[in-house]
Amino acid sequence: MSHPVPSWASVHRSERLADTPVVRRGADWWLVSASGSVLASDPVLTGELDRFAADLTAANRAVAEIRALGNTARKAQS
């Protein structure tokens, strides 16, 4: 399924990869700026973006788990 070309106005900050002007729509990575959007088609670049996104997701998950453990420990002490 093809996703529409993202425009700067249509991209929410939460959609960006680590607050960069890079957005994933479906399986495609897009470089988005106020002057237009470019499909990232270089397999080396898109592979690195995939790895970075996966690493960022894993890091966010680990932080959430640590916070949950801390909240559980604080509740147990009360």
C-alpha atoms as a PDB file:
ATOM      1  CA  MET A   1       0.000   0.000   0.000  1.00  0.00           C
ATOM      2  CA  SER A   2       1.347   3.401  -0.947  1.00  0.00           C
ATOM      3  CA  HIS A   3       1.365   6.156   1.641  1.00  0.00           C
ATOM      4  CA  PRO A   4       0.967   9.818   0.718  1.00  0.00           C
ATOM      5  CA  VAL A   5       4.052  11.986   0.414  1.00  0.00           C
ATOM      6  CA  PRO A   6       4.455  13.768   3.745  1.00  0.00           C
ATOM      7  CA  SER A   7       4.570  17.541   3.774  1.00  0.00           C
ATOM      8  CA  TRP A   8       6.222  19.673   6.437  1.00  0.00           C
ATOM      9  CA  ALA A   9       2.800  20.903   7.558  1.00  0.00           C
ATOM     10  CA  SER A  10       1.397  17.359   7.840  1.00  0.00           C
ATOM     11  CA  VAL A  11       4.229  15.906   9.931  1.00  0.00           C
ATOM     12  CA  HIS A  12       3.718  16.002  13.673  1.00  0.00           C
ATOM     13  CA  ARG A  13       6.750  16.303  15.920  1.00  0.00           C
ATOM     14  CA  SER A  14       5.911  12.926  17.456  1.00  0.00           C
ATOM     15  CA  GLU A  15       6.195  11.279  14.014  1.00  0.00           C
ATOM     16  CA  ARG A  16       9.763  12.415  13.475  1.00  0.00           C
ATOM     17  CA  LEU A  17      12.643  10.084  14.195  1.00  0.00           C
ATOM     18  CA  ALA A  18      14.307  11.471  17.339  1.00  0.00           C
ATOM     19  CA  ASP A  19      13.158  15.019  16.563  1.00  0.00           C
ATOM     20  CA  THR A  20      14.863  14.983  13.136  1.00  0.00           C
ATOM     21  CA  PRO A  21      13.234  15.852   9.808  1.00  0.00           C
ATOM     22  CA  VAL A  22      13.036  12.122   9.008  1.00  0.00           C
ATOM     23  CA  VAL A  23       9.648  10.406   8.902  1.00  0.00           C
ATOM     24  CA  ARG A  24       8.613   6.824   8.243  1.00  0.00           C
ATOM     25  CA  ARG A  25       5.440   6.273   6.273  1.00  0.00           C
ATOM     26  CA  GLY A  26       4.715   2.593   5.845  1.00  0.00           C
ATOM     27  CA  ALA A  27       7.960   0.981   4.728  1.00  0.00           C
ATOM     28  CA  ASP A  28       9.388   4.225   3.331  1.00  0.00           C
ATOM     29  CA  TRP A  29      11.656   6.788   4.957  1.00  0.00           C
ATOM     30  CA  TRP A  30      11.177  10.412   3.940  1.00  0.00           C
ATOM     31  CA  LEU A  31      13.387  13.453   4.469  1.00  0.00           C
ATOM     32  CA  VAL A  32      10.964  16.313   5.072  1.00  0.00           C
ATOM     33  CA  SER A  33      11.590  20.057   5.119  1.00  0.00           C
ATOM     34  CA  ALA A  34       9.607  23.226   4.568  1.00  0.00           C
ATOM     35  CA  SER A  35      10.768  23.264   0.941  1.00  0.00           C
ATOM     36  CA  GLY A  36       9.620  19.712   0.156  1.00  0.00           C
ATOM     37  CA  SER A  37       9.989  15.990   0.798  1.00  0.00           C
ATOM     38  CA  VAL A  38      12.448  13.482  -0.624  1.00  0.00           C
ATOM     39  CA  LEU A  39      12.026   9.729  -0.522  1.00  0.00           C
ATOM     40  CA  ALA A  40      15.110   8.140   1.027  1.00  0.00           C
ATOM     41  CA  SER A  41      15.946   5.368  -1.425  1.00  0.00           C
ATOM     42  CA  ASP A  42      19.606   4.648  -0.654  1.00  0.00           C
ATOM     43  CA  PRO A  43      19.651   1.194   0.976  1.00  0.00           C
ATOM     44  CA  VAL A  44      22.620   2.085   3.189  1.00  0.00           C
ATOM     45  CA  LEU A  45      20.833   5.163   4.559  1.00  0.00           C
ATOM     46  CA  THR A  46      17.496   3.413   5.016  1.00  0.00           C
ATOM     47  CA  GLY A  47      19.223   0.459   6.693  1.00  0.00           C
ATOM     48  CA  GLU A  48      20.882   2.825   9.157  1.00  0.00           C
ATOM     49  CA  LEU A  49      17.557   4.573   9.781  1.00  0.00           C
ATOM     50  CA  ASP A  50      15.915   1.185  10.430  1.00  0.00           C
ATOM     51  CA  ARG A  51      18.667   0.244  12.901  1.00  0.00           C
ATOM     52  CA  PHE A  52      18.553   3.628  14.626  1.00  0.00           C
ATOM     53  CA  ALA A  53      14.762   3.462  14.953  1.00  0.00           C
ATOM     54  CA  ALA A  54      14.975  -0.064  16.400  1.00  0.00           C
ATOM     55  CA  ASP A  55      17.701   0.974  18.860  1.00  0.00           C
ATOM     56  CA  LEU A  56      15.699   4.030  19.912  1.00  0.00           C
ATOM     57  CA  THR A  57      12.613   1.885  20.476  1.00  0.00           C
ATOM     58  CA  ALA A  58      14.631  -0.573  22.587  1.00  0.00           C
ATOM     59  CA  ALA A  59      16.125   2.276  24.631  1.00  0.00           C
ATOM     60  CA  ASN A  60      12.697   3.825  25.238  1.00  0.00           C
ATOM     61  CA  ARG A  61      11.359   0.432  26.316  1.00  0.00           C
ATOM     62  CA  ALA A  62      14.278  -0.063  28.731  1.00  0.00           C
ATOM     63  CA  VAL A  63      13.752   3.379  30.275  1.00  0.00           C
ATOM     64  CA  ALA A  64      10.040   2.644  30.713  1.00  0.00           C
ATOM     65  CA  GLU A  65      10.870  -0.652  32.438  1.00  0.00           C
ATOM     66  CA  ILE A  66      13.358   1.046  34.763  1.00  0.00           C
ATOM     67  CA  ARG A  67      10.806   3.711  35.653  1.00  0.00           C
ATOM     68  CA  ALA A  68       8.164   1.051  36.313  1.00  0.00           C
ATOM     69  CA  LEU A  69      10.576  -0.820  38.607  1.00  0.00           C
ATOM     70  CA  GLY A  70      11.326   2.401  40.463  1.00  0.00           C
ATOM     71  CA  ASN A  71       7.633   3.151  40.904  1.00  0.00           C
ATOM     72  CA  THR A  72       7.015  -0.388  42.164  1.00  0.00           C
ATOM     73  CA  ALA A  73       9.894  -0.107  44.652  1.00  0.00           C
ATOM     74  CA  ARG A  74       8.639   3.272  45.926  1.00  0.00           C
ATOM     75  CA  LYS A  75       5.132   1.885  46.426  1.00  0.00           C
ATOM     76  CA  ALA A  76       6.533  -1.104  48.332  1.00  0.00           C
ATOM     77  CA  GLN A  77       8.425   1.251  50.675  1.00  0.00           C
ATOM     78  CA  SER A  78       5.306   3.306  51.486  1.00  0.00           C
END
